[in-house]
Amino acid sequence: MGSTIKNNGVFVVIIVFLPALSFCLEEPIFQSKATYYYATDGLGTPKGGCGYGEYGRTINDGNAAVVTSSKLYKGGASCGACYNVKCKEAVCDDGGVVVMVTDYGASDGETDFILSTHAFNKMALPNYEKDLRDYGKVEIEYQRVACKFPRKTLTVKVVEHSRFPSYLAFEFLYQSGDADITAVELFEDDTLEWKSCRRAYGAVWDIANPPRGPLTVRFFLDGSVSVRARWVLVPKVIPTFWQSGVTYGTSIHLH
């Protein structure tokens, strides 16, 4: 940045060098409590409110989480969101565990997360898993982080209760990054218009009398500290004769 001073016909250029500002944008860190739910295999549950089914039980190595705050659940928009959860007890490891939201449940007013047993154990120091579980409920800090699915790209699943051709319900799987999907539309070739879908529940979007396929989908990716808000286009991802329970892959890897 520079300025010019005129003095008796002489122009003097003064150049001021400002130090470069370097900073890293990060999501805020919150304080709360967490507990865990029991499952025979320690993993997630296929009956979660997000509607993920078996995907929600085993995804993220079984490190699943039920959020108990409506502020965190955001009407289902946070389904698939990832958080780094660190407990603050003496038997806890400093690294914490990255969990993925697969369900929404009731809160006792103190607890923001109910983790799968597998995820809860991973917060402990080696060989102190039982000691940590004996606490039942622990003090934590948590932070939204980007989901990572190595060697996986965004996938669209037609939910099992869809009925071809009159009713289509679907969800997005392997949604990497740290932004939320807040709107979904399908393109109708006959009218050259976008048709809005409804968030039926959790991560599931639906539409009655959907346009004829193959269907081009676009969704609005809400902004985060590291991602700008934008529409993402997925051309002709759902075929003309789509089937319930079938997944359709894309080449998209969100950041």
C-alpha atoms as a PDB file:
ATOM      1  CA  MET A   1       0.000   0.000   0.000  1.00  0.00           C
ATOM      2  CA  GLY A   2       1.467   3.406  -0.928  1.00  0.00           C
ATOM      3  CA  SER A   3       0.752   7.115  -0.754  1.00  0.00           C
ATOM      4  CA  THR A   4       2.110  10.207  -2.501  1.00  0.00           C
ATOM      5  CA  ILE A   5       3.037  13.520  -0.810  1.00  0.00           C
ATOM      6  CA  LYS A   6       3.537  16.688  -2.888  1.00  0.00           C
ATOM      7  CA  ASN A   7       6.156  19.002  -1.365  1.00  0.00           C
ATOM      8  CA  ASN A   8       7.389  22.082  -3.276  1.00  0.00           C
ATOM      9  CA  GLY A   9       6.917  20.424  -6.621  1.00  0.00           C
ATOM     10  CA  VAL A  10       8.657  17.194  -5.574  1.00  0.00           C
ATOM     11  CA  PHE A  11       6.629  14.024  -5.395  1.00  0.00           C
ATOM     12  CA  VAL A  12       7.720  11.623  -2.679  1.00  0.00           C
ATOM     13  CA  VAL A  13       6.312   8.123  -2.789  1.00  0.00           C
ATOM     14  CA  ILE A  14       6.024   6.483   0.581  1.00  0.00           C
ATOM     15  CA  ILE A  15       5.564   2.736   0.534  1.00  0.00           C
ATOM     16  CA  VAL A  16       4.297   1.022   3.630  1.00  0.00           C
ATOM     17  CA  PHE A  17       4.756  -2.736   3.820  1.00  0.00           C
ATOM     18  CA  LEU A  18       2.176  -4.458   5.966  1.00  0.00           C
ATOM     19  CA  PRO A  19       2.972  -7.855   7.455  1.00  0.00           C
ATOM     20  CA  ALA A  20       1.164 -10.689   5.723  1.00  0.00           C
ATOM     21  CA  LEU A  21      -1.740 -11.993   7.700  1.00  0.00           C
ATOM     22  CA  SER A  22      -1.987 -15.737   7.844  1.00  0.00           C
ATOM     23  CA  PHE A  23      -4.782 -17.518   9.630  1.00  0.00           C
ATOM     24  CA  CYS A  24      -6.713 -20.735   9.460  1.00  0.00           C
ATOM     25  CA  LEU A  25     -10.466 -20.744   9.600  1.00  0.00           C
ATOM     26  CA  GLU A  26     -11.898 -23.416  11.852  1.00  0.00           C
ATOM     27  CA  GLU A  27     -15.274 -24.341  13.243  1.00  0.00           C
ATOM     28  CA  PRO A  28     -15.825 -23.303  16.881  1.00  0.00           C
ATOM     29  CA  ILE A  29     -15.254 -25.726  19.748  1.00  0.00           C
ATOM     30  CA  PHE A  30     -18.133 -26.425  22.155  1.00  0.00           C
ATOM     31  CA  GLN A  31     -18.309 -27.960  25.611  1.00  0.00           C
ATOM     32  CA  SER A  32     -20.907 -30.563  26.586  1.00  0.00           C
ATOM     33  CA  LYS A  33     -21.320 -34.142  27.800  1.00  0.00           C
ATOM     34  CA  ALA A  34     -21.561 -37.471  26.015  1.00  0.00           C
ATOM     35  CA  THR A  35     -22.687 -40.981  26.836  1.00  0.00           C
ATOM     36  CA  TYR A  36     -23.077 -44.173  24.800  1.00  0.00           C
ATOM     37  CA  TYR A  37     -25.711 -46.689  23.793  1.00  0.00           C
ATOM     38  CA  TYR A  38     -25.299 -50.417  23.967  1.00  0.00           C
ATOM     39  CA  ALA A  39     -25.292 -52.589  20.842  1.00  0.00           C
ATOM     40  CA  THR A  40     -24.179 -56.207  20.718  1.00  0.00           C
ATOM     41  CA  ASP A  41     -21.567 -55.445  18.051  1.00  0.00           C
ATOM     42  CA  GLY A  42     -20.783 -51.965  19.376  1.00  0.00           C
ATOM     43  CA  LEU A  43     -21.640 -50.299  16.059  1.00  0.00           C
ATOM     44  CA  GLY A  44     -24.406 -47.949  14.945  1.00  0.00           C
ATOM     45  CA  THR A  45     -28.074 -48.793  14.563  1.00  0.00           C
ATOM     46  CA  PRO A  46     -29.895 -49.430  11.252  1.00  0.00           C
ATOM     47  CA  LYS A  47     -33.027 -47.811  12.716  1.00  0.00           C
ATOM     48  CA  GLY A  48     -31.637 -44.308  13.138  1.00  0.00           C
ATOM     49  CA  GLY A  49     -33.784 -41.241  12.494  1.00  0.00           C
ATOM     50  CA  CYS A  50     -31.610 -40.184   9.559  1.00  0.00           C
ATOM     51  CA  GLY A  51     -32.917 -43.114   7.536  1.00  0.00           C
ATOM     52  CA  TYR A  52     -29.507 -44.529   6.640  1.00  0.00           C
ATOM     53  CA  GLY A  53     -30.301 -48.159   7.431  1.00  0.00           C
ATOM     54  CA  GLU A  54     -27.362 -50.539   7.279  1.00  0.00           C
ATOM     55  CA  TYR A  55     -25.146 -47.757   5.916  1.00  0.00           C
ATOM     56  CA  GLY A  56     -25.631 -45.877   9.197  1.00  0.00           C
ATOM     57  CA  ARG A  57     -24.659 -48.927  11.232  1.00  0.00           C
ATOM     58  CA  THR A  58     -21.283 -49.571   9.648  1.00  0.00           C
ATOM     59  CA  ILE A  59     -20.216 -46.274   8.054  1.00  0.00           C
ATOM     60  CA  ASN A  60     -17.167 -44.469   9.457  1.00  0.00           C
ATOM     61  CA  ASP A  61     -15.935 -47.763  10.968  1.00  0.00           C
ATOM     62  CA  GLY A  62     -19.016 -47.844  13.188  1.00  0.00           C
ATOM     63  CA  ASN A  63     -18.133 -44.548  14.858  1.00  0.00           C
ATOM     64  CA  ALA A  64     -21.698 -43.255  14.841  1.00  0.00           C
ATOM     65  CA  ALA A  65     -23.442 -40.645  16.975  1.00  0.00           C
ATOM     66  CA  VAL A  66     -26.945 -39.755  18.046  1.00  0.00           C
ATOM     67  CA  VAL A  67     -27.278 -35.992  18.516  1.00  0.00           C
ATOM     68  CA  THR A  68     -29.737 -34.875  21.159  1.00  0.00           C
ATOM     69  CA  SER A  69     -29.832 -31.153  20.427  1.00  0.00           C
ATOM     70  CA  SER A  70     -32.216 -29.738  17.809  1.00  0.00           C
ATOM     71  CA  LYS A  71     -29.588 -27.069  17.182  1.00  0.00           C
ATOM     72  CA  LEU A  72     -27.160 -29.793  16.138  1.00  0.00           C
ATOM     73  CA  TYR A  73     -29.707 -31.907  14.257  1.00  0.00           C
ATOM     74  CA  LYS A  74     -31.021 -28.942  12.251  1.00  0.00           C
ATOM     75  CA  GLY A  75     -34.158 -30.740  11.144  1.00  0.00           C
ATOM     76  CA  GLY A  76     -32.097 -33.512   9.595  1.00  0.00           C
ATOM     77  CA  ALA A  77     -29.654 -31.293   7.698  1.00  0.00           C
ATOM     78  CA  SER A  78     -26.821 -32.474   9.944  1.00  0.00           C
ATOM     79  CA  CYS A  79     -27.397 -36.146   9.103  1.00  0.00           C
ATOM     80  CA  GLY A  80     -24.021 -37.299   7.828  1.00  0.00           C
ATOM     81  CA  ALA A  81     -22.124 -34.472   9.546  1.00  0.00           C
ATOM     82  CA  CYS A  82     -18.871 -35.369  11.296  1.00  0.00           C
ATOM     83  CA  TYR A  83     -17.608 -34.138  14.651  1.00  0.00           C
ATOM     84  CA  ASN A  84     -14.359 -34.636  16.487  1.00  0.00           C
ATOM     85  CA  VAL A  85     -15.366 -35.505  20.057  1.00  0.00           C
ATOM     86  CA  LYS A  86     -12.788 -35.463  22.841  1.00  0.00           C
ATOM     87  CA  CYS A  87     -13.527 -36.450  26.420  1.00  0.00           C
ATOM     88  CA  LYS A  88     -11.800 -34.748  29.309  1.00  0.00           C
ATOM     89  CA  GLU A  89     -11.504 -37.514  31.895  1.00  0.00           C
ATOM     90  CA  ALA A  90      -8.186 -38.892  33.136  1.00  0.00           C
ATOM     91  CA  VAL A  91      -8.588 -42.123  31.145  1.00  0.00           C
ATOM     92  CA  CYS A  92      -9.196 -40.317  27.828  1.00  0.00           C
ATOM     93  CA  ASP A  93      -6.889 -40.086  24.848  1.00  0.00           C
ATOM     94  CA  ASP A  94      -6.088 -36.559  23.660  1.00  0.00           C
ATOM     95  CA  GLY A  95      -7.012 -37.282  20.046  1.00  0.00           C
ATOM     96  CA  GLY A  96     -10.679 -38.063  20.601  1.00  0.00           C
ATOM     97  CA  VAL A  97     -12.782 -39.738  17.911  1.00  0.00           C
ATOM     98  CA  VAL A  98     -14.435 -38.525  14.698  1.00  0.00           C
ATOM     99  CA  VAL A  99     -18.089 -39.574  14.717  1.00  0.00           C
ATOM    100  CA  MET A 100     -20.785 -39.278  12.053  1.00  0.00           C
ATOM    101  CA  VAL A 101     -24.352 -38.239  12.879  1.00  0.00           C
ATOM    102  CA  THR A 102     -26.809 -41.026  12.037  1.00  0.00           C
ATOM    103  CA  ASP A 103     -29.688 -40.427  14.453  1.00  0.00           C
ATOM    104  CA  TYR A 104     -31.560 -37.918  16.602  1.00  0.00           C
ATOM    105  CA  GLY A 105     -32.669 -38.745  20.133  1.00  0.00           C
ATOM    106  CA  ALA A 106     -34.015 -37.389  23.385  1.00  0.00           C
ATOM    107  CA  SER A 107     -31.770 -35.317  25.630  1.00  0.00           C
ATOM    108  CA  ASP A 108     -31.426 -35.221  29.400  1.00  0.00           C
ATOM    109  CA  GLY A 109     -30.589 -31.523  29.145  1.00  0.00           C
ATOM    110  CA  GLU A 110     -26.847 -32.085  29.545  1.00  0.00           C
ATOM    111  CA  THR A 111     -25.817 -34.534  26.836  1.00  0.00           C
ATOM    112  CA  ASP A 112     -25.346 -33.461  23.218  1.00  0.00           C
ATOM    113  CA  PHE A 113     -24.030 -36.800  21.938  1.00  0.00           C
ATOM    114  CA  ILE A 114     -24.872 -40.447  22.477  1.00  0.00           C
ATOM    115  CA  LEU A 115     -22.086 -42.430  20.844  1.00  0.00           C
ATOM    116  CA  SER A 116     -21.961 -46.009  19.644  1.00  0.00           C
ATOM    117  CA  THR A 117     -20.034 -48.183  22.091  1.00  0.00           C
ATOM    118  CA  HIS A 118     -17.307 -48.533  19.490  1.00  0.00           C
ATOM    119  CA  ALA A 119     -16.901 -44.744  19.207  1.00  0.00           C
ATOM    120  CA  PHE A 120     -17.076 -44.215  22.978  1.00  0.00           C
ATOM    121  CA  ASN A 121     -14.301 -46.769  23.516  1.00  0.00           C
ATOM    122  CA  LYS A 122     -12.072 -44.991  21.002  1.00  0.00           C
ATOM    123  CA  MET A 123     -11.967 -41.888  23.208  1.00  0.00           C
ATOM    124  CA  ALA A 124     -10.177 -43.898  25.891  1.00  0.00           C
ATOM    125  CA  LEU A 125      -6.497 -44.511  26.389  1.00  0.00           C
ATOM    126  CA  PRO A 126      -5.437 -48.030  25.338  1.00  0.00           C
ATOM    127  CA  ASN A 127      -6.707 -50.664  27.810  1.00  0.00           C
ATOM    128  CA  TYR A 128      -8.905 -48.093  29.623  1.00  0.00           C
ATOM    129  CA  GLU A 129     -12.071 -48.632  27.574  1.00  0.00           C
ATOM    130  CA  LYS A 130     -13.982 -50.291  30.414  1.00  0.00           C
ATOM    131  CA  ASP A 131     -12.875 -47.597  32.856  1.00  0.00           C
ATOM    132  CA  LEU A 132     -14.276 -44.956  30.510  1.00  0.00           C
ATOM    133  CA  ARG A 133     -17.574 -46.813  30.078  1.00  0.00           C
ATOM    134  CA  ASP A 134     -17.859 -47.020  33.853  1.00  0.00           C
ATOM    135  CA  TYR A 135     -18.165 -43.228  33.916  1.00  0.00           C
ATOM    136  CA  GLY A 136     -21.409 -43.569  31.951  1.00  0.00           C
ATOM    137  CA  LYS A 137     -21.425 -39.900  31.047  1.00  0.00           C
ATOM    138  CA  VAL A 138     -18.321 -37.803  30.431  1.00  0.00           C
ATOM    139  CA  GLU A 139     -17.337 -34.184  29.903  1.00  0.00           C
ATOM    140  CA  ILE A 140     -16.425 -33.495  26.280  1.00  0.00           C
ATOM    141  CA  GLU A 141     -15.476 -30.836  23.796  1.00  0.00           C
ATOM    142  CA  TYR A 142     -16.506 -31.184  20.191  1.00  0.00           C
ATOM    143  CA  GLN A 143     -15.923 -29.506  16.846  1.00  0.00           C
ATOM    144  CA  ARG A 144     -17.438 -29.912  13.370  1.00  0.00           C
ATOM    145  CA  VAL A 145     -14.892 -31.405  10.984  1.00  0.00           C
ATOM    146  CA  ALA A 146     -14.904 -32.559   7.369  1.00  0.00           C
ATOM    147  CA  CYS A 147     -16.123 -36.092   6.696  1.00  0.00           C
ATOM    148  CA  LYS A 148     -13.639 -38.188   4.734  1.00  0.00           C
ATOM    149  CA  PHE A 149     -14.453 -41.292   2.732  1.00  0.00           C
ATOM    150  CA  PRO A 150     -11.272 -42.484   0.982  1.00  0.00           C
ATOM    151  CA  ARG A 151     -11.903 -44.105  -2.392  1.00  0.00           C
ATOM    152  CA  LYS A 152     -15.613 -43.273  -2.154  1.00  0.00           C
ATOM    153  CA  THR A 153     -17.616 -40.728  -4.147  1.00  0.00           C
ATOM    154  CA  LEU A 154     -21.057 -39.257  -3.554  1.00  0.00           C
ATOM    155  CA  THR A 155     -23.777 -41.878  -4.058  1.00  0.00           C
ATOM    156  CA  VAL A 156     -27.538 -41.569  -4.441  1.00  0.00           C
ATOM    157  CA  LYS A 157     -29.693 -44.298  -2.919  1.00  0.00           C
ATOM    158  CA  VAL A 158     -33.347 -44.786  -3.826  1.00  0.00           C
ATOM    159  CA  VAL A 159     -34.997 -45.569  -0.498  1.00  0.00           C
ATOM    160  CA  GLU A 160     -36.834 -48.874  -0.141  1.00  0.00           C
ATOM    161  CA  HIS A 161     -40.329 -47.433   0.297  1.00  0.00           C
ATOM    162  CA  SER A 162     -40.179 -45.652  -3.093  1.00  0.00           C
ATOM    163  CA  ARG A 163     -42.808 -46.775  -5.623  1.00  0.00           C
ATOM    164  CA  PHE A 164     -41.916 -46.562  -9.314  1.00  0.00           C
ATOM    165  CA  PRO A 165     -43.019 -44.402 -11.091  1.00  0.00           C
ATOM    166  CA  SER A 166     -45.344 -42.473  -8.743  1.00  0.00           C
ATOM    167  CA  TYR A 167     -43.240 -41.791  -5.653  1.00  0.00           C
ATOM    168  CA  LEU A 168     -39.487 -41.306  -5.330  1.00  0.00           C
ATOM    169  CA  ALA A 169     -37.577 -41.055  -2.048  1.00  0.00           C
ATOM    170  CA  PHE A 170     -33.789 -40.918  -2.009  1.00  0.00           C
ATOM    171  CA  GLU A 171     -30.779 -39.934   0.069  1.00  0.00           C
ATOM    172  CA  PHE A 172     -27.131 -39.008  -0.445  1.00  0.00           C
ATOM    173  CA  LEU A 173     -24.423 -41.325   0.874  1.00  0.00           C
ATOM    174  CA  TYR A 174     -20.671 -40.730   1.285  1.00  0.00           C
ATOM    175  CA  GLN A 175     -21.177 -36.986   1.563  1.00  0.00           C
ATOM    176  CA  SER A 176     -17.653 -35.776   2.293  1.00  0.00           C
ATOM    177  CA  GLY A 177     -16.724 -32.301   3.504  1.00  0.00           C
ATOM    178  CA  ASP A 178     -18.217 -30.154   6.245  1.00  0.00           C
ATOM    179  CA  ALA A 179     -21.235 -28.461   4.628  1.00  0.00           C
ATOM    180  CA  ASP A 180     -24.923 -29.418   4.765  1.00  0.00           C
ATOM    181  CA  ILE A 181     -27.366 -30.192   1.967  1.00  0.00           C
ATOM    182  CA  THR A 182     -30.337 -27.895   2.561  1.00  0.00           C
ATOM    183  CA  ALA A 183     -32.339 -28.084  -0.699  1.00  0.00           C
ATOM    184  CA  VAL A 184     -32.748 -30.641  -3.502  1.00  0.00           C
ATOM    185  CA  GLU A 185     -34.343 -30.313  -6.946  1.00  0.00           C
ATOM    186  CA  LEU A 186     -34.969 -32.578  -9.960  1.00  0.00           C
ATOM    187  CA  PHE A 187     -34.956 -31.332 -13.543  1.00  0.00           C
ATOM    188  CA  GLU A 188     -38.000 -32.026 -15.696  1.00  0.00           C
ATOM    189  CA  ASP A 189     -37.033 -32.242 -19.362  1.00  0.00           C
ATOM    190  CA  ASP A 190     -40.618 -31.854 -20.634  1.00  0.00           C
ATOM    191  CA  THR A 191     -41.134 -28.432 -19.040  1.00  0.00           C
ATOM    192  CA  LEU A 192     -37.471 -27.393 -18.687  1.00  0.00           C
ATOM    193  CA  GLU A 193     -38.142 -26.624 -15.011  1.00  0.00           C
ATOM    194  CA  TRP A 194     -36.630 -27.610 -11.695  1.00  0.00           C
ATOM    195  CA  LYS A 195     -38.985 -29.455  -9.322  1.00  0.00           C
ATOM    196  CA  SER A 196     -38.387 -29.037  -5.589  1.00  0.00           C
ATOM    197  CA  CYS A 197     -38.082 -32.096  -3.386  1.00  0.00           C
ATOM    198  CA  ARG A 198     -39.205 -32.247   0.243  1.00  0.00           C
ATOM    199  CA  ARG A 199     -37.058 -33.308   3.172  1.00  0.00           C
ATOM    200  CA  ALA A 200     -39.240 -36.208   4.262  1.00  0.00           C
ATOM    201  CA  TYR A 201     -37.183 -36.987   7.382  1.00  0.00           C
ATOM    202  CA  GLY A 202     -33.534 -37.046   8.334  1.00  0.00           C
ATOM    203  CA  ALA A 203     -31.405 -37.415   5.204  1.00  0.00           C
ATOM    204  CA  VAL A 204     -34.310 -38.627   3.024  1.00  0.00           C
ATOM    205  CA  TRP A 205     -35.748 -36.392   0.278  1.00  0.00           C
ATOM    206  CA  ASP A 206     -38.905 -37.263  -1.648  1.00  0.00           C
ATOM    207  CA  ILE A 207     -41.245 -36.150  -4.420  1.00  0.00           C
ATOM    208  CA  ALA A 208     -44.622 -37.396  -5.609  1.00  0.00           C
ATOM    209  CA  ASN A 209     -45.042 -37.937  -9.359  1.00  0.00           C
ATOM    210  CA  PRO A 210     -41.367 -37.335 -10.124  1.00  0.00           C
ATOM    211  CA  PRO A 211     -40.228 -36.319 -13.606  1.00  0.00           C
ATOM    212  CA  ARG A 212     -39.392 -39.096 -16.032  1.00  0.00           C
ATOM    213  CA  GLY A 213     -35.800 -40.246 -15.964  1.00  0.00           C
ATOM    214  CA  PRO A 214     -32.981 -40.249 -16.441  1.00  0.00           C
ATOM    215  CA  LEU A 215     -33.057 -37.674 -13.668  1.00  0.00           C
ATOM    216  CA  THR A 216     -30.634 -34.823 -13.179  1.00  0.00           C
ATOM    217  CA  VAL A 217     -30.385 -33.794  -9.538  1.00  0.00           C
ATOM    218  CA  ARG A 218     -29.037 -30.612  -8.041  1.00  0.00           C
ATOM    219  CA  PHE A 219     -28.633 -29.829  -4.366  1.00  0.00           C
ATOM    220  CA  PHE A 220     -27.747 -26.709  -2.436  1.00  0.00           C
ATOM    221  CA  LEU A 221     -24.624 -27.126  -0.369  1.00  0.00           C
ATOM    222  CA  ASP A 222     -24.862 -24.728   2.540  1.00  0.00           C
ATOM    223  CA  GLY A 223     -21.692 -22.839   3.303  1.00  0.00           C
ATOM    224  CA  SER A 224     -19.214 -23.586   6.093  1.00  0.00           C
ATOM    225  CA  VAL A 225     -16.019 -21.904   7.248  1.00  0.00           C
ATOM    226  CA  SER A 226     -14.131 -23.697   4.483  1.00  0.00           C
ATOM    227  CA  VAL A 227     -16.766 -24.149   1.753  1.00  0.00           C
ATOM    228  CA  ARG A 228     -18.721 -21.521  -0.143  1.00  0.00           C
ATOM    229  CA  ALA A 229     -22.460 -22.017  -0.511  1.00  0.00           C
ATOM    230  CA  ARG A 230     -23.388 -23.260  -3.978  1.00  0.00           C
ATOM    231  CA  TRP A 231     -25.593 -25.509  -6.073  1.00  0.00           C
ATOM    232  CA  VAL A 232     -24.034 -28.832  -7.070  1.00  0.00           C
ATOM    233  CA  LEU A 233     -25.266 -30.482 -10.273  1.00  0.00           C
ATOM    234  CA  VAL A 234     -25.437 -34.269 -10.657  1.00  0.00           C
ATOM    235  CA  PRO A 235     -26.393 -34.978 -14.292  1.00  0.00           C
ATOM    236  CA  LYS A 236     -28.696 -37.917 -15.075  1.00  0.00           C
ATOM    237  CA  VAL A 237     -27.733 -39.848 -11.945  1.00  0.00           C
ATOM    238  CA  ILE A 238     -31.072 -41.644 -11.442  1.00  0.00           C
ATOM    239  CA  PRO A 239     -31.971 -43.840 -14.451  1.00  0.00           C
ATOM    240  CA  THR A 240     -35.300 -43.920 -16.257  1.00  0.00           C
ATOM    241  CA  PHE A 241     -36.358 -47.203 -14.683  1.00  0.00           C
ATOM    242  CA  TRP A 242     -35.045 -46.634 -11.186  1.00  0.00           C
ATOM    243  CA  GLN A 243     -35.527 -49.296  -8.540  1.00  0.00           C
ATOM    244  CA  SER A 244     -36.197 -49.157  -4.821  1.00  0.00           C
ATOM    245  CA  GLY A 245     -33.235 -49.970  -2.616  1.00  0.00           C
ATOM    246  CA  VAL A 246     -30.684 -49.489  -5.404  1.00  0.00           C
ATOM    247  CA  THR A 247     -27.720 -47.091  -5.190  1.00  0.00           C
ATOM    248  CA  TYR A 248     -26.420 -45.033  -8.101  1.00  0.00           C
ATOM    249  CA  GLY A 249     -22.858 -43.750  -8.048  1.00  0.00           C
ATOM    250  CA  THR A 250     -21.464 -40.385  -9.153  1.00  0.00           C
ATOM    251  CA  SER A 251     -17.959 -39.076  -9.808  1.00  0.00           C
ATOM    252  CA  ILE A 252     -18.418 -36.251  -7.277  1.00  0.00           C
ATOM    253  CA  HIS A 253     -16.200 -35.905  -4.240  1.00  0.00           C
ATOM    254  CA  LEU A 254     -17.311 -32.943  -2.138  1.00  0.00           C
ATOM    255  CA  HIS A 255     -14.815 -30.723  -0.320  1.00  0.00           C
END
